[in-house]
Protein backbone atom coordinates (compact mmCIF):
# COMPACT_ATOMS: atom_id res chain seq x y z
CA UNK A 1 5.18 -16.38 34.94
CA UNK A 2 1.80 -15.08 33.89
CA UNK A 3 -0.01 -12.88 36.50
CA UNK A 4 -3.75 -12.69 36.46
CA UNK A 5 -4.27 -9.10 36.81
CA UNK A 6 -8.04 -9.51 36.47
CA UNK A 7 -7.79 -11.57 39.83
CA UNK A 8 -5.07 -9.85 41.74
CA UNK A 9 -6.23 -6.08 41.22
CA UNK A 10 -9.65 -6.69 42.73
CA UNK A 11 -8.14 -8.46 45.66
CA UNK A 12 -5.45 -5.44 46.07
CA UNK A 13 -8.57 -2.89 46.12
CA UNK A 14 -10.43 -5.26 48.56
CA UNK A 15 -7.27 -5.29 51.01
CA UNK A 16 -6.77 -1.57 50.62
CA UNK A 17 -10.30 -0.94 51.62
CA UNK A 18 -10.05 -3.28 54.51
CA UNK A 19 -6.94 -1.28 55.70
CA UNK A 20 -8.82 2.00 55.26
CA UNK A 21 -11.86 0.55 57.27
CA UNK A 22 -9.50 -0.59 60.08
CA UNK A 23 -7.72 2.90 60.11
CA UNK A 24 -11.16 4.58 60.36
CA UNK A 25 -12.48 2.36 63.35
CA UNK A 26 -9.27 1.49 65.29
CA UNK A 27 -7.17 5.06 64.53
CA UNK A 28 -4.27 3.18 63.35
CA UNK A 29 -2.20 6.20 62.30
CA UNK A 30 -2.60 7.50 65.63
CA UNK A 31 -2.31 4.56 68.02
CA UNK A 32 -0.03 2.19 65.92
CA UNK A 33 3.81 2.16 65.47
CA UNK A 34 5.70 3.77 62.79
CA UNK A 35 5.91 0.95 60.25
CA UNK A 36 2.10 0.12 60.56
CA UNK A 37 1.25 4.00 60.07
CA UNK A 38 3.37 4.04 56.77
CA UNK A 39 1.77 0.94 55.51
CA UNK A 40 -1.62 2.62 56.23
CA UNK A 41 -0.77 5.82 54.73
CA UNK A 42 0.73 4.01 51.39
CA UNK A 43 -2.31 2.03 51.34
CA UNK A 44 -4.76 4.73 51.49
CA UNK A 45 -2.72 6.82 49.12
CA UNK A 46 -2.91 3.86 46.78
CA UNK A 47 -6.63 3.23 46.93
CA UNK A 48 -8.20 5.87 44.88
CA UNK A 49 -5.69 4.93 41.93
CA UNK A 50 -6.33 1.24 42.36
CA UNK A 51 -10.00 1.79 42.31
CA UNK A 52 -9.88 4.03 39.15
CA UNK A 53 -7.84 1.48 37.36
CA UNK A 54 -10.20 -1.18 38.44
CA UNK A 55 -13.22 0.57 37.14
CA UNK A 56 -11.71 1.35 33.71
CA UNK A 57 -10.32 -2.13 33.27
CA UNK A 58 -13.50 -4.04 34.47
CA UNK A 59 -16.25 -1.67 32.81
CA UNK A 60 -14.85 0.26 30.06
CA UNK A 61 -11.26 -0.86 28.33
CA UNK A 62 -8.73 -3.26 29.05
CA UNK A 63 -5.19 -3.82 27.14
CA UNK A 64 -4.16 -7.18 26.02
CA UNK A 65 -1.04 -8.23 24.17
CA UNK A 66 -1.10 -11.06 21.29
CA UNK A 67 1.31 -14.00 22.19
CA UNK A 68 0.66 -16.06 19.29
CA UNK A 69 -0.08 -16.12 15.57
CA UNK A 70 -3.60 -17.80 15.57
CA UNK A 71 -5.17 -14.43 14.53
CA UNK A 72 -2.71 -13.66 11.61
CA UNK A 73 -2.93 -11.89 9.27
CA UNK A 74 -5.16 -9.81 11.39
CA UNK A 75 -3.33 -9.72 14.54
CA UNK A 76 0.49 -10.15 14.79
CA UNK A 77 2.37 -11.42 17.60
CA UNK A 78 3.31 -8.72 19.98
CA UNK A 79 0.35 -6.55 18.99
CA UNK A 80 -0.91 -4.41 21.71
CA UNK A 81 -4.69 -4.07 21.62
CA UNK A 82 -7.67 -2.70 23.33
CA UNK A 83 -10.91 -4.46 24.31
CA UNK A 84 -14.25 -2.72 24.89
CA UNK A 85 -15.57 -4.41 28.28
CA UNK A 86 -19.32 -3.25 27.95
CA UNK A 87 -19.85 -4.31 24.31
CA UNK A 88 -21.45 -7.61 25.70
CA UNK A 89 -22.51 -6.15 28.79
CA UNK A 90 -21.08 -5.17 32.21
CA UNK A 91 -19.60 -7.90 34.29
CA UNK A 92 -18.53 -8.03 38.09
CA UNK A 93 -14.89 -8.65 38.55
CA UNK A 94 -13.52 -11.69 39.87
CA UNK A 95 -16.98 -13.75 39.33
CA UNK A 96 -17.27 -12.40 35.75
CA UNK A 97 -21.11 -12.23 36.41
CA UNK A 98 -23.25 -10.39 33.94
CA UNK A 99 -25.19 -7.46 35.77
CA UNK A 100 -26.16 -5.30 32.70
CA UNK A 101 -26.82 -6.73 29.23
CA UNK A 102 -25.80 -4.36 26.62
CA UNK A 103 -25.45 -6.67 23.69
CA UNK A 104 -24.56 -9.95 22.49
CA UNK A 105 -21.52 -11.14 20.20
CA UNK A 106 -21.98 -11.04 16.58
CA UNK A 107 -20.65 -13.38 13.85
CA UNK A 108 -17.39 -11.59 12.47
CA UNK A 109 -16.38 -10.11 15.89
CA UNK A 110 -13.27 -10.34 17.28
CA UNK A 111 -13.67 -11.51 20.95
CA UNK A 112 -11.39 -12.16 23.69
CA UNK A 113 -12.53 -14.83 26.30
CA UNK A 114 -11.46 -17.23 29.03
CA UNK A 115 -10.16 -20.56 27.66
CA UNK A 116 -12.82 -22.96 28.60
CA UNK A 117 -10.14 -25.78 29.62
CA UNK A 118 -8.18 -23.06 31.61
CA UNK A 119 -10.06 -20.20 32.74
CA UNK A 120 -7.05 -18.39 33.84
CA UNK A 121 -5.93 -17.90 30.26
CA UNK A 122 -7.41 -15.53 27.84
CA UNK A 123 -7.89 -16.43 24.31
CA UNK A 124 -8.75 -14.38 21.27
CA UNK A 125 -10.45 -15.68 18.32
CA UNK A 126 -13.14 -14.50 15.75
CA UNK A 127 -17.09 -15.40 16.38
CA UNK A 128 -18.14 -17.76 13.61
CA UNK A 129 -21.10 -19.50 15.28
CA UNK A 130 -23.78 -17.78 17.44
CA UNK A 131 -26.46 -19.57 19.44
CA UNK A 132 -28.66 -21.94 17.09
CA UNK A 133 -26.20 -21.88 14.29
CA UNK A 134 -25.21 -25.13 12.63
CA UNK A 135 -21.54 -24.87 11.54
CA UNK A 136 -19.83 -27.16 8.98
CA UNK A 137 -16.22 -27.15 7.80
CA UNK A 138 -15.38 -29.18 4.78
CA UNK A 139 -12.29 -28.91 2.70
CA UNK A 140 -11.17 -25.90 4.34
CA UNK A 141 -14.62 -23.90 3.72
CA UNK A 142 -17.03 -23.01 6.44
CA UNK A 143 -20.66 -23.09 5.91
CA UNK A 144 -23.00 -21.43 8.44
CA UNK A 145 -26.64 -22.66 8.34
CA UNK A 146 -25.91 -24.52 5.03
CA UNK A 147 -24.59 -21.39 3.34
CA UNK A 148 -20.66 -21.23 2.30
CA UNK A 149 -18.95 -18.47 4.15
CA UNK A 150 -18.22 -15.85 1.39
CA UNK A 151 -14.67 -15.40 0.57
CA UNK A 152 -12.22 -13.89 -1.98
CA UNK A 153 -8.97 -15.02 -2.69
CA UNK A 154 -6.17 -12.72 -2.71
CA UNK A 155 -2.50 -13.71 -2.84
CA UNK A 156 -0.74 -17.01 -2.65
CA UNK A 157 3.13 -16.97 -1.53
CA UNK A 158 5.21 -20.21 -1.72
CA UNK A 159 7.89 -20.64 1.14
CA UNK A 160 9.70 -23.73 0.84
CA UNK A 161 7.20 -26.52 1.40
CA UNK A 162 4.66 -24.43 2.61
CA UNK A 163 2.12 -22.50 0.62
CA UNK A 164 0.24 -19.58 2.33
CA UNK A 165 -3.01 -18.11 0.66
CA UNK A 166 -4.70 -14.95 2.09
CA UNK A 167 -8.52 -14.50 1.54
CA UNK A 168 -11.08 -11.88 2.12
CA UNK A 169 -13.88 -13.51 4.08
CA UNK A 170 -17.14 -11.97 5.18
CA UNK A 171 -18.86 -13.12 8.35
CA UNK A 172 -21.70 -10.66 9.48
CA UNK A 173 -21.36 -7.09 8.04
CA UNK A 174 -17.91 -6.50 7.52
CA UNK A 175 -15.07 -8.34 5.69
CA UNK A 176 -11.89 -9.35 7.21
CA UNK A 177 -8.67 -11.26 6.26
CA UNK A 178 -7.98 -14.88 7.01
CA UNK A 179 -4.98 -17.14 6.04
CA UNK A 180 -4.71 -20.47 4.89
CA UNK A 181 -1.41 -22.86 4.88
CA UNK A 182 -0.70 -25.91 3.30
CA UNK A 183 2.44 -28.11 3.32
CA UNK A 184 4.02 -29.64 0.20
CA UNK A 185 3.98 -33.52 0.30
CA UNK A 186 7.48 -34.28 -1.15
CA UNK A 187 6.59 -37.90 -2.37
CA UNK A 188 3.38 -36.86 -4.54
CA UNK A 189 4.18 -33.10 -4.94
CA UNK A 190 0.55 -32.38 -4.08
CA UNK A 191 -0.38 -29.81 -0.99
CA UNK A 192 -1.68 -31.38 1.74
CA UNK A 193 -4.99 -30.20 3.64
CA UNK A 194 -5.30 -30.68 7.24
CA UNK A 195 -8.97 -29.35 7.25
CA UNK A 196 -11.18 -30.80 9.92
CA UNK A 197 -14.19 -31.98 8.00
CA UNK A 198 -16.76 -32.02 11.00
CA UNK A 199 -19.96 -30.25 11.89
CA UNK A 200 -21.29 -28.49 15.14
CA UNK A 201 -24.33 -27.07 16.40
CA UNK A 202 -23.98 -24.02 18.57
CA UNK A 203 -26.08 -24.16 21.90
CA UNK A 204 -27.97 -21.58 23.73
CA UNK A 205 -25.48 -19.13 25.36
CA UNK A 206 -22.57 -20.69 23.67
CA UNK A 207 -20.48 -19.21 20.66
CA UNK A 208 -18.16 -21.10 18.31
CA UNK A 209 -14.67 -19.28 18.00
CA UNK A 210 -12.12 -19.71 15.15
CA UNK A 211 -8.75 -18.12 14.65
CA UNK A 212 -8.25 -16.02 11.46
CA UNK A 213 -4.79 -18.29 10.86
CA UNK A 214 -7.21 -21.21 9.91
CA UNK A 215 -4.59 -24.08 9.73
CA UNK A 216 -2.78 -22.81 12.95
CA UNK A 217 -5.29 -22.01 15.62
CA UNK A 218 -6.35 -23.87 18.65
CA UNK A 219 -10.09 -22.95 18.82
CA UNK A 220 -13.52 -24.23 18.98
CA UNK A 221 -12.95 -26.96 16.13
CA UNK A 222 -10.72 -28.78 18.67
CA UNK A 223 -12.17 -27.95 22.25
CA UNK A 224 -15.83 -26.99 21.70
CA UNK A 225 -17.89 -24.01 22.58
CA UNK A 226 -17.32 -20.93 24.57
CA UNK A 227 -19.96 -20.19 26.95
CA UNK A 228 -21.16 -16.72 27.71
CA UNK A 229 -19.77 -16.55 31.09
CA UNK A 230 -16.45 -16.78 29.72
CA UNK A 231 -16.57 -13.71 27.63
CA UNK A 232 -13.99 -10.75 28.25
CA UNK A 233 -15.03 -8.26 25.68
CA UNK A 234 -14.72 -7.30 22.08
CA UNK A 235 -11.36 -6.26 20.63
CA UNK A 236 -11.45 -3.02 18.73
CA UNK A 237 -8.20 -1.28 18.38
CA UNK A 238 -4.43 -1.87 17.89
CA UNK A 239 -2.63 0.86 19.62
CA UNK A 240 0.99 -0.32 19.32
CA UNK A 241 3.23 -3.24 18.05
CA UNK A 242 6.46 -3.99 20.28
CA UNK A 243 8.93 -6.48 19.70
CA UNK A 244 10.39 -7.78 23.21
CA UNK A 245 14.00 -6.90 24.43
CA UNK A 246 15.84 -3.82 22.90
CA UNK A 247 13.49 -3.03 20.12
CA UNK A 248 11.50 0.45 20.08
CA UNK A 249 7.67 0.40 20.06
CA UNK A 250 6.24 0.67 16.58
CA UNK A 251 3.10 2.58 15.69
CA UNK A 252 2.61 1.65 12.17
CA UNK A 253 0.02 -0.94 12.77
CA UNK A 254 -2.20 1.57 14.87
CA UNK A 255 -5.97 1.57 14.11
CA UNK A 256 -9.20 -0.40 14.28
CA UNK A 257 -8.71 -3.93 13.97
CA UNK A 258 -10.10 -5.34 10.51
CA UNK A 259 -9.46 -1.78 8.92
CA UNK A 260 -11.92 -1.63 6.12
CA UNK A 261 -9.59 0.77 4.10
CA UNK A 262 -6.92 -1.65 3.84
CA UNK A 263 -9.44 -4.54 2.96
CA UNK A 264 -10.92 -2.62 0.15
CA UNK A 265 -7.61 -1.51 -1.39
CA UNK A 266 -6.52 -5.36 -1.45
CA UNK A 267 -9.78 -6.12 -3.26
CA UNK A 268 -9.18 -3.28 -5.63
CA UNK A 269 -5.76 -4.37 -6.44
CA UNK A 270 -7.09 -7.94 -6.96
CA UNK A 271 -9.78 -6.64 -9.55
CA UNK A 272 -7.24 -4.55 -11.40
CA UNK A 273 -5.06 -7.41 -12.24
């Protein structure tokens, strides 16, 4: 069962504040019975910790775990990441209302947001379109405002009936990795494309989000735009990778998302072939 910490943490803080106020007014620790006194003392001792955690998670940084492969190869399943909560402005807990505007999402950003069809779920994708953009996808190639998104092919790997191709794609200022997957048609011997050949216009206050695992991502190409009131924050750092059950945490993937040193090394390897 998923627990919505973003909802229950502010609720816990409000309950603890209410108990503290009642104690101040009614002197519960003096007048009430032993059980009530213990509850009040425990709540009062926990309140400062809860408030510090709430401030950090709401306005500074929040941890998330990657549950699916929609952002491969950039983010792997069971990566633990950090999300900057003030890159796109300060938002109130519970309501997610923007109170201080500190910036807007840019093309190429990896952003966490609330899934428009189920706002209790958090999704992570890459910003492809910002307000006013015209997006086209044709034969697995993205176009933004009439210009093809620049990409350079790296490696192609065959795994049975599947063919996986890695590209370095440039959206905005910095390049990043993306993955295309095609399945072999056993009758024709040709690789089949499941590209969605469509076009979209990004409205005011909206963003077009696409996963880096282009053929295996549930994103804006299927359910539409993300409104700015669903923004959670900008993902910026991988701090741990931990497979479930009895495996030990691993730290070989630690570092900034879209590590530029790694991407430049891949491009140099391709150029030297």
